[in-house]
Amino acid sequence: MASMARNTKYEHFQGALIEARQKNNLTQQEVASRIGKPQSYVSKYESGERRLDVVEFLDVCKALGVKPISILKRLDTDDQEEIYP
């Protein structure tokens, strides 16, 4: 499989998830155990090798002990139109 194209917003998303994990003093293994996945699952979404769908994202946030909106607020949305004015 070809590597995913770099996407700055997704990189910010990854960084926010990594930062949340580190601020909560959690290892990748601890997060993985909380969501019932192998440690490599966490490593892959943190490195950008795989992407999270919305349901997976919610599970990860719960495991990290953070509200999903706190992660989403970290993303830069300046160059997108508002969906709801």
N, C-alpha and C. Protein backbone atom coordinates (compact mmCIF):
# COMPACT_ATOMS: atom_id res chain seq x y z
N MET A 1 0.84 -1.18 0.00
CA MET A 1 0.00 0.00 0.00
C MET A 1 0.89 1.24 0.00
N ALA A 2 0.55 2.21 -0.79
CA ALA A 2 1.32 3.45 -0.85
C ALA A 2 1.12 4.23 0.43
N SER A 3 2.12 5.01 0.81
CA SER A 3 1.99 5.79 2.03
C SER A 3 0.97 6.91 1.82
N MET A 4 0.35 7.31 2.92
CA MET A 4 -0.66 8.36 2.84
C MET A 4 0.00 9.70 2.55
N ALA A 5 -0.67 10.50 1.75
CA ALA A 5 -0.18 11.84 1.47
C ALA A 5 -0.17 12.65 2.77
N ARG A 6 0.80 13.52 2.89
CA ARG A 6 0.89 14.35 4.09
C ARG A 6 -0.27 15.34 4.11
N ASN A 7 -0.86 15.47 5.26
CA ASN A 7 -1.97 16.38 5.43
C ASN A 7 -1.74 17.12 6.75
N THR A 8 -1.50 18.41 6.66
CA THR A 8 -1.15 19.19 7.83
C THR A 8 -2.21 19.10 8.91
N LYS A 9 -3.47 19.16 8.54
CA LYS A 9 -4.53 19.08 9.54
C LYS A 9 -4.52 17.73 10.24
N TYR A 10 -4.29 16.68 9.48
CA TYR A 10 -4.24 15.37 10.11
C TYR A 10 -3.02 15.26 11.01
N GLU A 11 -1.93 15.88 10.62
CA GLU A 11 -0.73 15.89 11.48
C GLU A 11 -1.02 16.62 12.79
N HIS A 12 -1.79 17.71 12.74
CA HIS A 12 -2.19 18.41 13.96
C HIS A 12 -3.07 17.51 14.82
N PHE A 13 -3.96 16.77 14.18
CA PHE A 13 -4.84 15.83 14.87
C PHE A 13 -4.00 14.76 15.58
N GLN A 14 -3.04 14.18 14.85
CA GLN A 14 -2.15 13.18 15.45
C GLN A 14 -1.41 13.78 16.64
N GLY A 15 -0.88 14.97 16.46
CA GLY A 15 -0.13 15.62 17.53
C GLY A 15 -0.98 15.87 18.76
N ALA A 16 -2.24 16.24 18.56
CA ALA A 16 -3.14 16.48 19.69
C ALA A 16 -3.41 15.18 20.44
N LEU A 17 -3.55 14.07 19.72
CA LEU A 17 -3.77 12.78 20.38
C LEU A 17 -2.52 12.35 21.16
N ILE A 18 -1.36 12.54 20.56
CA ILE A 18 -0.11 12.19 21.24
C ILE A 18 0.06 13.04 22.49
N GLU A 19 -0.18 14.33 22.35
CA GLU A 19 -0.04 15.23 23.50
C GLU A 19 -0.99 14.85 24.63
N ALA A 20 -2.24 14.52 24.28
CA ALA A 20 -3.21 14.11 25.30
C ALA A 20 -2.75 12.85 26.02
N ARG A 21 -2.21 11.91 25.26
CA ARG A 21 -1.71 10.67 25.88
C ARG A 21 -0.57 10.98 26.82
N GLN A 22 0.36 11.77 26.37
CA GLN A 22 1.53 12.09 27.19
C GLN A 22 1.16 12.92 28.42
N LYS A 23 0.25 13.88 28.27
CA LYS A 23 -0.18 14.70 29.41
C LYS A 23 -0.86 13.85 30.48
N ASN A 24 -1.49 12.76 30.06
CA ASN A 24 -2.15 11.87 31.01
C ASN A 24 -1.23 10.74 31.46
N ASN A 25 0.06 10.88 31.13
CA ASN A 25 1.07 9.89 31.54
C ASN A 25 0.68 8.46 31.17
N LEU A 26 0.19 8.31 29.95
CA LEU A 26 -0.19 6.99 29.45
C LEU A 26 0.80 6.53 28.39
N THR A 27 1.10 5.25 28.41
CA THR A 27 1.92 4.68 27.35
C THR A 27 0.99 4.24 26.22
N GLN A 28 1.58 3.98 25.06
CA GLN A 28 0.79 3.44 23.96
C GLN A 28 0.14 2.12 24.38
N GLN A 29 0.86 1.31 25.13
CA GLN A 29 0.34 0.02 25.58
C GLN A 29 -0.88 0.20 26.49
N GLU A 30 -0.83 1.18 27.37
CA GLU A 30 -1.97 1.42 28.27
C GLU A 30 -3.21 1.86 27.49
N VAL A 31 -3.01 2.74 26.53
CA VAL A 31 -4.15 3.18 25.70
C VAL A 31 -4.70 1.99 24.92
N ALA A 32 -3.81 1.22 24.32
CA ALA A 32 -4.23 0.05 23.54
C ALA A 32 -5.02 -0.93 24.39
N SER A 33 -4.57 -1.18 25.60
CA SER A 33 -5.28 -2.10 26.50
C SER A 33 -6.67 -1.59 26.82
N ARG A 34 -6.81 -0.28 27.00
CA ARG A 34 -8.11 0.31 27.32
C ARG A 34 -9.11 0.17 26.19
N ILE A 35 -8.61 0.11 24.96
CA ILE A 35 -9.52 -0.01 23.81
C ILE A 35 -9.53 -1.42 23.21
N GLY A 36 -8.81 -2.31 23.85
CA GLY A 36 -8.82 -3.70 23.40
C GLY A 36 -8.11 -3.94 22.08
N LYS A 37 -7.05 -3.18 21.86
CA LYS A 37 -6.27 -3.30 20.62
C LYS A 37 -4.82 -3.55 20.97
N PRO A 38 -4.02 -4.01 20.01
CA PRO A 38 -2.58 -4.15 20.26
C PRO A 38 -1.89 -2.78 20.28
N GLN A 39 -0.73 -2.72 20.91
CA GLN A 39 0.03 -1.48 20.99
C GLN A 39 0.32 -0.92 19.61
N SER A 40 0.51 -1.79 18.63
CA SER A 40 0.82 -1.35 17.27
C SER A 40 -0.30 -0.50 16.67
N TYR A 41 -1.53 -0.73 17.10
CA TYR A 41 -2.68 0.07 16.64
C TYR A 41 -2.46 1.54 17.00
N VAL A 42 -2.07 1.77 18.26
CA VAL A 42 -1.84 3.14 18.72
C VAL A 42 -0.63 3.73 17.99
N SER A 43 0.42 2.95 17.87
CA SER A 43 1.61 3.41 17.17
C SER A 43 1.28 3.82 15.74
N LYS A 44 0.45 3.04 15.08
CA LYS A 44 0.13 3.32 13.67
C LYS A 44 -0.71 4.58 13.50
N TYR A 45 -1.69 4.83 14.40
CA TYR A 45 -2.44 6.07 14.20
C TYR A 45 -1.63 7.28 14.66
N GLU A 46 -0.74 7.09 15.63
CA GLU A 46 0.10 8.22 16.04
C GLU A 46 1.15 8.57 14.98
N SER A 47 1.61 7.59 14.25
CA SER A 47 2.63 7.85 13.23
C SER A 47 2.03 8.22 11.87
N GLY A 48 0.72 8.06 11.72
CA GLY A 48 0.07 8.37 10.46
C GLY A 48 0.00 7.20 9.50
N GLU A 49 0.43 6.03 9.95
CA GLU A 49 0.37 4.85 9.10
C GLU A 49 -1.07 4.40 8.88
N ARG A 50 -1.94 4.70 9.84
CA ARG A 50 -3.37 4.43 9.68
C ARG A 50 -4.13 5.62 10.21
N ARG A 51 -5.36 5.76 9.75
CA ARG A 51 -6.22 6.84 10.21
C ARG A 51 -7.34 6.27 11.06
N LEU A 52 -7.86 7.12 11.93
CA LEU A 52 -8.98 6.73 12.78
C LEU A 52 -10.29 7.17 12.13
N ASP A 53 -11.29 6.30 12.20
CA ASP A 53 -12.62 6.76 11.81
C ASP A 53 -13.25 7.41 13.05
N VAL A 54 -14.42 7.97 12.91
CA VAL A 54 -15.02 8.74 14.00
C VAL A 54 -15.32 7.86 15.22
N VAL A 55 -15.75 6.64 15.02
CA VAL A 55 -16.05 5.75 16.14
C VAL A 55 -14.76 5.38 16.87
N GLU A 56 -13.72 5.09 16.12
CA GLU A 56 -12.42 4.79 16.73
C GLU A 56 -11.90 6.01 17.50
N PHE A 57 -12.06 7.19 16.92
CA PHE A 57 -11.64 8.42 17.57
C PHE A 57 -12.32 8.58 18.92
N LEU A 58 -13.62 8.33 18.97
CA LEU A 58 -14.36 8.44 20.23
C LEU A 58 -13.84 7.44 21.26
N ASP A 59 -13.55 6.23 20.82
CA ASP A 59 -12.99 5.21 21.73
C ASP A 59 -11.63 5.64 22.26
N VAL A 60 -10.80 6.19 21.38
CA VAL A 60 -9.47 6.65 21.80
C VAL A 60 -9.60 7.79 22.80
N CYS A 61 -10.48 8.73 22.55
CA CYS A 61 -10.66 9.84 23.48
C CYS A 61 -11.09 9.34 24.86
N LYS A 62 -11.99 8.40 24.88
CA LYS A 62 -12.43 7.82 26.15
C LYS A 62 -11.25 7.18 26.88
N ALA A 63 -10.43 6.44 26.14
CA ALA A 63 -9.26 5.78 26.73
C ALA A 63 -8.25 6.81 27.24
N LEU A 64 -8.15 7.95 26.54
CA LEU A 64 -7.22 9.00 26.94
C LEU A 64 -7.77 9.84 28.10
N GLY A 65 -9.07 9.75 28.33
CA GLY A 65 -9.70 10.56 29.37
C GLY A 65 -9.87 12.01 28.97
N VAL A 66 -10.10 12.23 27.66
CA VAL A 66 -10.31 13.59 27.15
C VAL A 66 -11.63 13.65 26.39
N LYS A 67 -12.19 14.85 26.34
CA LYS A 67 -13.40 15.06 25.55
C LYS A 67 -13.01 15.21 24.09
N PRO A 68 -13.72 14.56 23.19
CA PRO A 68 -13.40 14.67 21.77
C PRO A 68 -13.33 16.12 21.28
N ILE A 69 -14.20 16.97 21.79
CA ILE A 69 -14.20 18.36 21.33
C ILE A 69 -12.90 19.06 21.68
N SER A 70 -12.25 18.66 22.76
CA SER A 70 -10.98 19.30 23.12
C SER A 70 -9.90 18.99 22.10
N ILE A 71 -9.96 17.81 21.49
CA ILE A 71 -9.01 17.46 20.43
C ILE A 71 -9.38 18.21 19.15
N LEU A 72 -10.65 18.22 18.81
CA LEU A 72 -11.10 18.85 17.57
C LEU A 72 -10.85 20.36 17.57
N LYS A 73 -10.95 20.99 18.73
CA LYS A 73 -10.71 22.43 18.81
C LYS A 73 -9.27 22.79 18.48
N ARG A 74 -8.38 21.83 18.59
CA ARG A 74 -6.97 22.08 18.32
C ARG A 74 -6.68 22.18 16.82
N LEU A 75 -7.59 21.71 16.01
CA LEU A 75 -7.36 21.72 14.56
C LEU A 75 -7.62 23.10 13.99
N ASP A 76 -6.82 23.48 13.04
CA ASP A 76 -6.96 24.77 12.39
C ASP A 76 -8.07 24.69 11.37
N THR A 77 -9.09 25.50 11.53
CA THR A 77 -10.22 25.48 10.59
C THR A 77 -10.38 26.81 9.87
N ASP A 78 -9.36 27.65 9.94
CA ASP A 78 -9.46 28.98 9.34
C ASP A 78 -9.74 28.98 7.85
N ASP A 79 -9.24 27.97 7.14
CA ASP A 79 -9.39 28.01 5.69
C ASP A 79 -10.61 27.24 5.18
N GLN A 80 -11.50 26.86 6.08
CA GLN A 80 -12.71 26.17 5.67
C GLN A 80 -13.92 27.06 5.93
N GLU A 81 -14.91 26.92 5.08
CA GLU A 81 -16.14 27.67 5.30
C GLU A 81 -16.86 27.09 6.52
N GLU A 82 -17.59 27.94 7.21
CA GLU A 82 -18.42 27.44 8.30
C GLU A 82 -19.56 26.63 7.72
N ILE A 83 -19.84 25.53 8.36
CA ILE A 83 -20.97 24.71 7.91
C ILE A 83 -22.26 25.35 8.37
N TYR A 84 -22.25 25.81 9.63
CA TYR A 84 -23.42 26.47 10.21
C TYR A 84 -23.04 27.87 10.61
N PRO A 85 -23.60 28.86 9.94
CA PRO A 85 -23.24 30.25 10.27
C PRO A 85 -23.66 30.66 11.67
